């Protein structure tokens, strides 16, 4: 999947933003996923589940809003 770099970028952004907010953990992540991307929602969820282990993203719920464009966008996140 050639758009995997987008997933990795969003993941890295969340880690950075969470650290800036001094978050102990991120509990919920709101993403917008375009129907014209080649990103499979199940692959996206699996990536976050596996790569989030032992980070502030561990166990975070992904809320994915469909979009009619070609995008993967971090909308917002909830943290503690």
PDB file of N, CA and C in Angstrom:
ATOM      1  N   UNK A   1       0.854  -1.170   0.000  1.00  0.00           N
ATOM      2  CA  UNK A   1       0.000   0.000   0.000  1.00  0.00           C
ATOM      3  C   UNK A   1       0.901   1.234   0.000  1.00  0.00           C
ATOM      4  N   UNK A   2       0.818   2.023  -1.019  1.00  0.00           N
ATOM      5  CA  UNK A   2       1.706   3.171  -1.125  1.00  0.00           C
ATOM      6  C   UNK A   2       1.276   4.350  -0.266  1.00  0.00           C
ATOM      7  N   UNK A   3       0.093   4.311   0.321  1.00  0.00           N
ATOM      8  CA  UNK A   3      -0.358   5.416   1.165  1.00  0.00           C
ATOM      9  C   UNK A   3      -0.118   5.134   2.650  1.00  0.00           C
ATOM     10  N   UNK A   4       0.643   4.091   2.941  1.00  0.00           N
ATOM     11  CA  UNK A   4       0.933   3.754   4.338  1.00  0.00           C
ATOM     12  C   UNK A   4       1.703   4.869   5.023  1.00  0.00           C
ATOM     13  N   UNK A   5       2.451   5.671   4.269  1.00  0.00           N
ATOM     14  CA  UNK A   5       3.180   6.784   4.885  1.00  0.00           C
ATOM     15  C   UNK A   5       2.209   7.776   5.526  1.00  0.00           C
ATOM     16  N   UNK A   6       0.995   7.910   4.982  1.00  0.00           N
ATOM     17  CA  UNK A   6      -0.012   8.793   5.588  1.00  0.00           C
ATOM     18  C   UNK A   6      -0.428   8.280   6.964  1.00  0.00           C
ATOM     19  N   UNK A   7      -0.603   6.974   7.067  1.00  0.00           N
ATOM     20  CA  UNK A   7      -0.974   6.359   8.347  1.00  0.00           C
ATOM     21  C   UNK A   7       0.143   6.583   9.366  1.00  0.00           C
ATOM     22  N   UNK A   8       1.375   6.360   8.941  1.00  0.00           N
ATOM     23  CA  UNK A   8       2.524   6.551   9.831  1.00  0.00           C
ATOM     24  C   UNK A   8       2.664   8.009  10.258  1.00  0.00           C
ATOM     25  N   UNK A   9       2.393   8.936   9.337  1.00  0.00           N
ATOM     26  CA  UNK A   9       2.477  10.360   9.662  1.00  0.00           C
ATOM     27  C   UNK A   9       1.428  10.763  10.695  1.00  0.00           C
ATOM     28  N   UNK A  10       0.197  10.287  10.529  1.00  0.00           N
ATOM     29  CA  UNK A  10      -0.861  10.594  11.501  1.00  0.00           C
ATOM     30  C   UNK A  10      -0.507  10.003  12.858  1.00  0.00           C
ATOM     31  N   UNK A  11       0.009   8.784  12.866  1.00  0.00           N
ATOM     32  CA  UNK A  11       0.413   8.126  14.105  1.00  0.00           C
ATOM     33  C   UNK A  11       1.495   8.954  14.810  1.00  0.00           C
ATOM     34  N   UNK A  12       2.503   9.363  14.061  1.00  0.00           N
ATOM     35  CA  UNK A  12       3.596  10.166  14.626  1.00  0.00           C
ATOM     36  C   UNK A  12       3.083  11.515  15.129  1.00  0.00           C
ATOM     37  N   UNK A  13       2.177  12.129  14.380  1.00  0.00           N
ATOM     38  CA  UNK A  13       1.589  13.405  14.815  1.00  0.00           C
ATOM     39  C   UNK A  13       0.857  13.250  16.143  1.00  0.00           C
ATOM     40  N   UNK A  14       0.125  12.159  16.294  1.00  0.00           N
ATOM     41  CA  UNK A  14      -0.594  11.919  17.546  1.00  0.00           C
ATOM     42  C   UNK A  14       0.365  11.767  18.723  1.00  0.00           C
ATOM     43  N   UNK A  15       1.444  11.034  18.525  1.00  0.00           N
ATOM     44  CA  UNK A  15       2.431  10.888  19.600  1.00  0.00           C
ATOM     45  C   UNK A  15       3.025  12.242  19.975  1.00  0.00           C
ATOM     46  N   UNK A  16       3.343  13.042  18.977  1.00  0.00           N
ATOM     47  CA  UNK A  16       3.918  14.361  19.223  1.00  0.00           C
ATOM     48  C   UNK A  16       2.918  15.285  19.921  1.00  0.00           C
ATOM     49  N   UNK A  17       1.699  15.339  19.411  1.00  0.00           N
ATOM     50  CA  UNK A  17       0.680  16.219  20.001  1.00  0.00           C
ATOM     51  C   UNK A  17       0.317  15.779  21.419  1.00  0.00           C
ATOM     52  N   UNK A  18       0.254  14.470  21.623  1.00  0.00           N
ATOM     53  CA  UNK A  18      -0.023  13.956  22.964  1.00  0.00           C
ATOM     54  C   UNK A  18       1.061  14.350  23.949  1.00  0.00           C
ATOM     55  N   UNK A  19       2.314  14.263  23.518  1.00  0.00           N
ATOM     56  CA  UNK A  19       3.434  14.667  24.377  1.00  0.00           C
ATOM     57  C   UNK A  19       3.377  16.162  24.666  1.00  0.00           C
ATOM     58  N   UNK A  20       3.042  16.956  23.664  1.00  0.00           N
ATOM     59  CA  UNK A  20       2.922  18.402  23.869  1.00  0.00           C
ATOM     60  C   UNK A  20       1.825  18.743  24.876  1.00  0.00           C
ATOM     61  N   UNK A  21       0.760  17.933  24.890  1.00  0.00           N
ATOM     62  CA  UNK A  21      -0.344  18.144  25.822  1.00  0.00           C
ATOM     63  C   UNK A  21      -0.077  17.496  27.185  1.00  0.00           C
ATOM     64  N   UNK A  22       1.076  16.852  27.306  1.00  0.00           N
ATOM     65  CA  UNK A  22       1.446  16.122  28.524  1.00  0.00           C
ATOM     66  C   UNK A  22       0.404  15.050  28.874  1.00  0.00           C
ATOM     67  N   UNK A  23      -0.097  14.407  27.831  1.00  0.00           N
ATOM     68  CA  UNK A  23      -1.121  13.374  27.995  1.00  0.00           C
ATOM     69  C   UNK A  23      -0.511  12.102  28.575  1.00  0.00           C
ATOM     70  N   UNK A  24      -1.220  11.515  29.504  1.00  0.00           N
ATOM     71  CA  UNK A  24      -0.838  10.214  30.033  1.00  0.00           C
ATOM     72  C   UNK A  24      -1.223   9.141  29.021  1.00  0.00           C
ATOM     73  N   UNK A  25      -2.395   9.355  28.400  1.00  0.00           N
ATOM     74  CA  UNK A  25      -2.826   8.460  27.336  1.00  0.00           C
ATOM     75  C   UNK A  25      -3.864   9.155  26.470  1.00  0.00           C
ATOM     76  N   UNK A  26      -3.920   8.728  25.234  1.00  0.00           N
ATOM     77  CA  UNK A  26      -4.936   9.196  24.303  1.00  0.00           C
ATOM     78  C   UNK A  26      -6.026   8.138  24.284  1.00  0.00           C
ATOM     79  N   UNK A  27      -7.245   8.556  24.556  1.00  0.00           N
ATOM     80  CA  UNK A  27      -8.343   7.604  24.706  1.00  0.00           C
ATOM     81  C   UNK A  27      -9.184   7.431  23.446  1.00  0.00           C
ATOM     82  N   UNK A  28      -9.302   8.487  22.658  1.00  0.00           N
ATOM     83  CA  UNK A  28     -10.132   8.427  21.456  1.00  0.00           C
ATOM     84  C   UNK A  28      -9.497   9.292  20.369  1.00  0.00           C
ATOM     85  N   UNK A  29      -9.510   8.767  19.147  1.00  0.00           N
ATOM     86  CA  UNK A  29      -8.925   9.453  17.997  1.00  0.00           C
ATOM     87  C   UNK A  29     -10.001   9.599  16.934  1.00  0.00           C
ATOM     88  N   UNK A  30     -10.182  10.817  16.472  1.00  0.00           N
ATOM     89  CA  UNK A  30     -11.164  11.095  15.427  1.00  0.00           C
ATOM     90  C   UNK A  30     -10.423  11.337  14.108  1.00  0.00           C
ATOM     91  N   UNK A  31     -10.691  10.473  13.136  1.00  0.00           N
ATOM     92  CA  UNK A  31     -10.047  10.556  11.835  1.00  0.00           C
ATOM     93  C   UNK A  31     -11.101  10.720  10.743  1.00  0.00           C
ATOM     94  N   UNK A  32     -10.699  11.335   9.652  1.00  0.00           N
ATOM     95  CA  UNK A  32     -11.530  11.403   8.450  1.00  0.00           C
ATOM     96  C   UNK A  32     -10.790  10.620   7.376  1.00  0.00           C
ATOM     97  N   UNK A  33     -11.471   9.611   6.822  1.00  0.00           N
ATOM     98  CA  UNK A  33     -10.871   8.724   5.827  1.00  0.00           C
ATOM     99  C   UNK A  33     -11.654   8.822   4.532  1.00  0.00           C
ATOM    100  N   UNK A  34     -10.983   9.281   3.492  1.00  0.00           N
ATOM    101  CA  UNK A  34     -11.621   9.442   2.194  1.00  0.00           C
ATOM    102  C   UNK A  34     -11.834   8.130   1.474  1.00  0.00           C
ATOM    103  N   UNK A  35     -12.936   8.070   0.754  1.00  0.00           N
ATOM    104  CA  UNK A  35     -13.253   6.849   0.009  1.00  0.00           C
ATOM    105  C   UNK A  35     -12.325   6.633  -1.169  1.00  0.00           C
ATOM    106  N   UNK A  36     -11.627   7.684  -1.601  1.00  0.00           N
ATOM    107  CA  UNK A  36     -10.740   7.564  -2.756  1.00  0.00           C
ATOM    108  C   UNK A  36      -9.288   7.301  -2.372  1.00  0.00           C
ATOM    109  N   UNK A  37      -9.042   7.040  -1.083  1.00  0.00           N
ATOM    110  CA  UNK A  37      -7.692   6.620  -0.695  1.00  0.00           C
ATOM    111  C   UNK A  37      -7.610   5.108  -0.888  1.00  0.00           C
ATOM    112  N   UNK A  38      -6.419   4.619  -0.864  1.00  0.00           N
ATOM    113  CA  UNK A  38      -6.235   3.169  -0.962  1.00  0.00           C
ATOM    114  C   UNK A  38      -5.972   2.569   0.406  1.00  0.00           C
ATOM    115  N   UNK A  39      -6.420   3.262   1.447  1.00  0.00           N
ATOM    116  CA  UNK A  39      -6.224   2.797   2.815  1.00  0.00           C
ATOM    117  C   UNK A  39      -7.443   1.996   3.243  1.00  0.00           C
ATOM    118  N   UNK A  40      -7.209   0.766   3.598  1.00  0.00           N
ATOM    119  CA  UNK A  40      -8.265  -0.104   4.089  1.00  0.00           C
ATOM    120  C   UNK A  40      -8.494   0.193   5.568  1.00  0.00           C
ATOM    121  N   UNK A  41      -9.741   0.398   5.955  1.00  0.00           N
ATOM    122  CA  UNK A  41     -10.051   0.750   7.341  1.00  0.00           C
ATOM    123  C   UNK A  41      -9.574  -0.312   8.327  1.00  0.00           C
ATOM    124  N   UNK A  42      -9.694  -1.575   7.967  1.00  0.00           N
ATOM    125  CA  UNK A  42      -9.251  -2.643   8.869  1.00  0.00           C
ATOM    126  C   UNK A  42      -7.737  -2.627   9.042  1.00  0.00           C
ATOM    127  N   UNK A  43      -7.006  -2.347   7.975  1.00  0.00           N
ATOM    128  CA  UNK A  43      -5.552  -2.241   8.056  1.00  0.00           C
ATOM    129  C   UNK A  43      -5.172  -1.053   8.934  1.00  0.00           C
ATOM    130  N   UNK A  44      -5.878   0.041   8.777  1.00  0.00           N
ATOM    131  CA  UNK A  44      -5.649   1.233   9.602  1.00  0.00           C
ATOM    132  C   UNK A  44      -5.848   0.916  11.080  1.00  0.00           C
ATOM    133  N   UNK A  45      -6.946   0.261  11.397  1.00  0.00           N
ATOM    134  CA  UNK A  45      -7.217  -0.114  12.794  1.00  0.00           C
ATOM    135  C   UNK A  45      -6.151  -1.063  13.337  1.00  0.00           C
ATOM    136  N   UNK A  46      -5.758  -2.037  12.526  1.00  0.00           N
ATOM    137  CA  UNK A  46      -4.736  -2.993  12.948  1.00  0.00           C
ATOM    138  C   UNK A  46      -3.406  -2.282  13.203  1.00  0.00           C
ATOM    139  N   UNK A  47      -3.030  -1.358  12.309  1.00  0.00           N
ATOM    140  CA  UNK A  47      -1.784  -0.614  12.475  1.00  0.00           C
ATOM    141  C   UNK A  47      -1.781   0.111  13.814  1.00  0.00           C
ATOM    142  N   UNK A  48      -2.859   0.833  14.123  1.00  0.00           N
ATOM    143  CA  UNK A  48      -2.925   1.581  15.374  1.00  0.00           C
ATOM    144  C   UNK A  48      -2.914   0.653  16.584  1.00  0.00           C
ATOM    145  N   UNK A  49      -3.594  -0.472  16.470  1.00  0.00           N
ATOM    146  CA  UNK A  49      -3.621  -1.435  17.579  1.00  0.00           C
ATOM    147  C   UNK A  49      -2.230  -2.007  17.838  1.00  0.00           C
ATOM    148  N   UNK A  50      -1.561  -2.429  16.791  1.00  0.00           N
ATOM    149  CA  UNK A  50      -0.253  -3.060  16.949  1.00  0.00           C
ATOM    150  C   UNK A  50       0.854  -2.064  17.290  1.00  0.00           C
ATOM    151  N   UNK A  51       0.913  -0.967  16.608  1.00  0.00           N
ATOM    152  CA  UNK A  51       1.974   0.010  16.828  1.00  0.00           C
ATOM    153  C   UNK A  51       1.723   0.886  18.051  1.00  0.00           C
ATOM    154  N   UNK A  52       0.481   0.893  18.531  1.00  0.00           N
ATOM    155  CA  UNK A  52       0.147   1.692  19.705  1.00  0.00           C
ATOM    156  C   UNK A  52       0.529   1.033  21.021  1.00  0.00           C
ATOM    157  N   UNK A  53       0.829  -0.259  20.970  1.00  0.00           N
ATOM    158  CA  UNK A  53       1.206  -0.964  22.197  1.00  0.00           C
ATOM    159  C   UNK A  53       2.393  -0.272  22.851  1.00  0.00           C
ATOM    160  N   UNK A  54       2.338  -0.150  24.166  1.00  0.00           N
ATOM    161  CA  UNK A  54       3.414   0.461  24.956  1.00  0.00           C
ATOM    162  C   UNK A  54       3.638   1.935  24.623  1.00  0.00           C
ATOM    163  N   UNK A  55       2.606   2.605  24.098  1.00  0.00           N
ATOM    164  CA  UNK A  55       2.659   4.052  23.861  1.00  0.00           C
ATOM    165  C   UNK A  55       1.413   4.681  24.489  1.00  0.00           C
ATOM    166  N   UNK A  56       1.323   5.994  24.428  1.00  0.00           N
ATOM    167  CA  UNK A  56       0.133   6.661  24.959  1.00  0.00           C
ATOM    168  C   UNK A  56      -1.101   6.392  24.095  1.00  0.00           C
ATOM    169  N   UNK A  57      -0.924   5.723  22.970  1.00  0.00           N
ATOM    170  CA  UNK A  57      -2.046   5.388  22.089  1.00  0.00           C
ATOM    171  C   UNK A  57      -2.631   4.002  22.375  1.00  0.00           C
ATOM    172  N   UNK A  58      -2.034   3.265  23.290  1.00  0.00           N
ATOM    173  CA  UNK A  58      -2.493   1.903  23.583  1.00  0.00           C
ATOM    174  C   UNK A  58      -3.960   1.909  23.997  1.00  0.00           C
ATOM    175  N   UNK A  59      -4.757   1.132  23.283  1.00  0.00           N
ATOM    176  CA  UNK A  59      -6.170   0.989  23.608  1.00  0.00           C
ATOM    177  C   UNK A  59      -7.057   2.133  23.157  1.00  0.00           C
ATOM    178  N   UNK A  60      -6.515   3.092  22.439  1.00  0.00           N
ATOM    179  CA  UNK A  60      -7.315   4.227  21.994  1.00  0.00           C
ATOM    180  C   UNK A  60      -8.388   3.765  21.012  1.00  0.00           C
ATOM    181  N   UNK A  61      -9.572   4.340  21.150  1.00  0.00           N
ATOM    182  CA  UNK A  61     -10.670   4.049  20.230  1.00  0.00           C
ATOM    183  C   UNK A  61     -10.512   4.915  18.981  1.00  0.00           C
ATOM    184  N   UNK A  62     -10.633   4.291  17.813  1.00  0.00           N
ATOM    185  CA  UNK A  62     -10.593   5.036  16.557  1.00  0.00           C
ATOM    186  C   UNK A  62     -12.024   5.305  16.101  1.00  0.00           C
ATOM    187  N   UNK A  63     -12.344   6.568  15.910  1.00  0.00           N
ATOM    188  CA  UNK A  63     -13.635   6.964  15.360  1.00  0.00           C
ATOM    189  C   UNK A  63     -13.332   7.477  13.954  1.00  0.00           C
ATOM    190  N   UNK A  64     -13.809   6.746  12.953  1.00  0.00           N
ATOM    191  CA  UNK A  64     -13.476   7.068  11.567  1.00  0.00           C
ATOM    192  C   UNK A  64     -14.704   7.590  10.844  1.00  0.00           C
ATOM    193  N   UNK A  65     -14.579   8.817  10.372  1.00  0.00           N
ATOM    194  CA  UNK A  65     -15.646   9.468   9.613  1.00  0.00           C
ATOM    195  C   UNK A  65     -15.319   9.336   8.127  1.00  0.00           C
ATOM    196  N   UNK A  66     -16.256   8.802   7.336  1.00  0.00           N
ATOM    197  CA  UNK A  66     -15.993   8.704   5.902  1.00  0.00           C
ATOM    198  C   UNK A  66     -16.038  10.081   5.233  1.00  0.00           C
ATOM    199  N   UNK A  67     -15.276  10.210   4.179  1.00  0.00           N
ATOM    200  CA  UNK A  67     -15.204  11.453   3.432  1.00  0.00           C
ATOM    201  C   UNK A  67     -15.258  11.127   1.947  1.00  0.00           C
ATOM    202  N   UNK A  68     -15.757  12.047   1.164  1.00  0.00           N
ATOM    203  CA  UNK A  68     -15.862  11.841  -0.286  1.00  0.00           C
ATOM    204  C   UNK A  68     -14.595  12.246  -1.027  1.00  0.00           C
ATOM    205  N   UNK A  69     -13.555  12.594  -0.293  1.00  0.00           N
ATOM    206  CA  UNK A  69     -12.323  13.046  -0.939  1.00  0.00           C
ATOM    207  C   UNK A  69     -11.214  12.014  -0.762  1.00  0.00           C
ATOM    208  N   UNK A  70     -10.032  12.366  -1.213  1.00  0.00           N
ATOM    209  CA  UNK A  70      -8.856  11.493  -1.059  1.00  0.00           C
ATOM    210  C   UNK A  70      -8.049  12.053   0.104  1.00  0.00           C
ATOM    211  N   UNK A  71      -8.339  11.575   1.311  1.00  0.00           N
ATOM    212  CA  UNK A  71      -7.674  12.121   2.486  1.00  0.00           C
ATOM    213  C   UNK A  71      -7.631  11.119   3.624  1.00  0.00           C
ATOM    214  N   UNK A  72      -6.652  11.282   4.451  1.00  0.00           N
ATOM    215  CA  UNK A  72      -6.611  10.704   5.788  1.00  0.00           C
ATOM    216  C   UNK A  72      -6.225  11.875   6.677  1.00  0.00           C
ATOM    217  N   UNK A  73      -7.161  12.310   7.501  1.00  0.00           N
ATOM    218  CA  UNK A  73      -6.948  13.521   8.281  1.00  0.00           C
ATOM    219  C   UNK A  73      -7.261  13.274   9.751  1.00  0.00           C
ATOM    220  N   UNK A  74      -6.365  13.751  10.596  1.00  0.00           N
ATOM    221  CA  UNK A  74      -6.615  13.765  12.030  1.00  0.00           C
ATOM    222  C   UNK A  74      -7.521  14.949  12.321  1.00  0.00           C
ATOM    223  N   UNK A  75      -8.708  14.658  12.843  1.00  0.00           N
ATOM    224  CA  UNK A  75      -9.674  15.706  13.150  1.00  0.00           C
ATOM    225  C   UNK A  75      -9.426  16.216  14.564  1.00  0.00           C
ATOM    226  N   UNK A  76      -9.357  15.283  15.524  1.00  0.00           N
ATOM    227  CA  UNK A  76      -9.095  15.643  16.915  1.00  0.00           C
ATOM    228  C   UNK A  76      -8.819  14.378  17.719  1.00  0.00           C
ATOM    229  N   UNK A  77      -8.532  14.559  18.991  1.00  0.00           N
ATOM    230  CA  UNK A  77      -8.328  13.410  19.874  1.00  0.00           C
ATOM    231  C   UNK A  77      -8.683  13.795  21.294  1.00  0.00           C
ATOM    232  N   UNK A  78      -9.032  12.794  22.098  1.00  0.00           N
ATOM    233  CA  UNK A  78      -9.309  12.975  23.510  1.00  0.00           C
ATOM    234  C   UNK A  78      -8.154  12.354  24.291  1.00  0.00           C
ATOM    235  N   UNK A  79      -7.763  12.992  25.360  1.00  0.00           N
ATOM    236  CA  UNK A  79      -6.660  12.453  26.151  1.00  0.00           C
ATOM    237  C   UNK A  79      -6.900  12.702  27.633  1.00  0.00           C
ATOM    238  N   UNK A  80      -6.135  11.995  28.419  1.00  0.00           N
ATOM    239  CA  UNK A  80      -6.159  12.133  29.881  1.00  0.00           C
ATOM    240  C   UNK A  80      -4.824  12.657  30.331  1.00  0.00           C
TER     241      UNK A  80
END
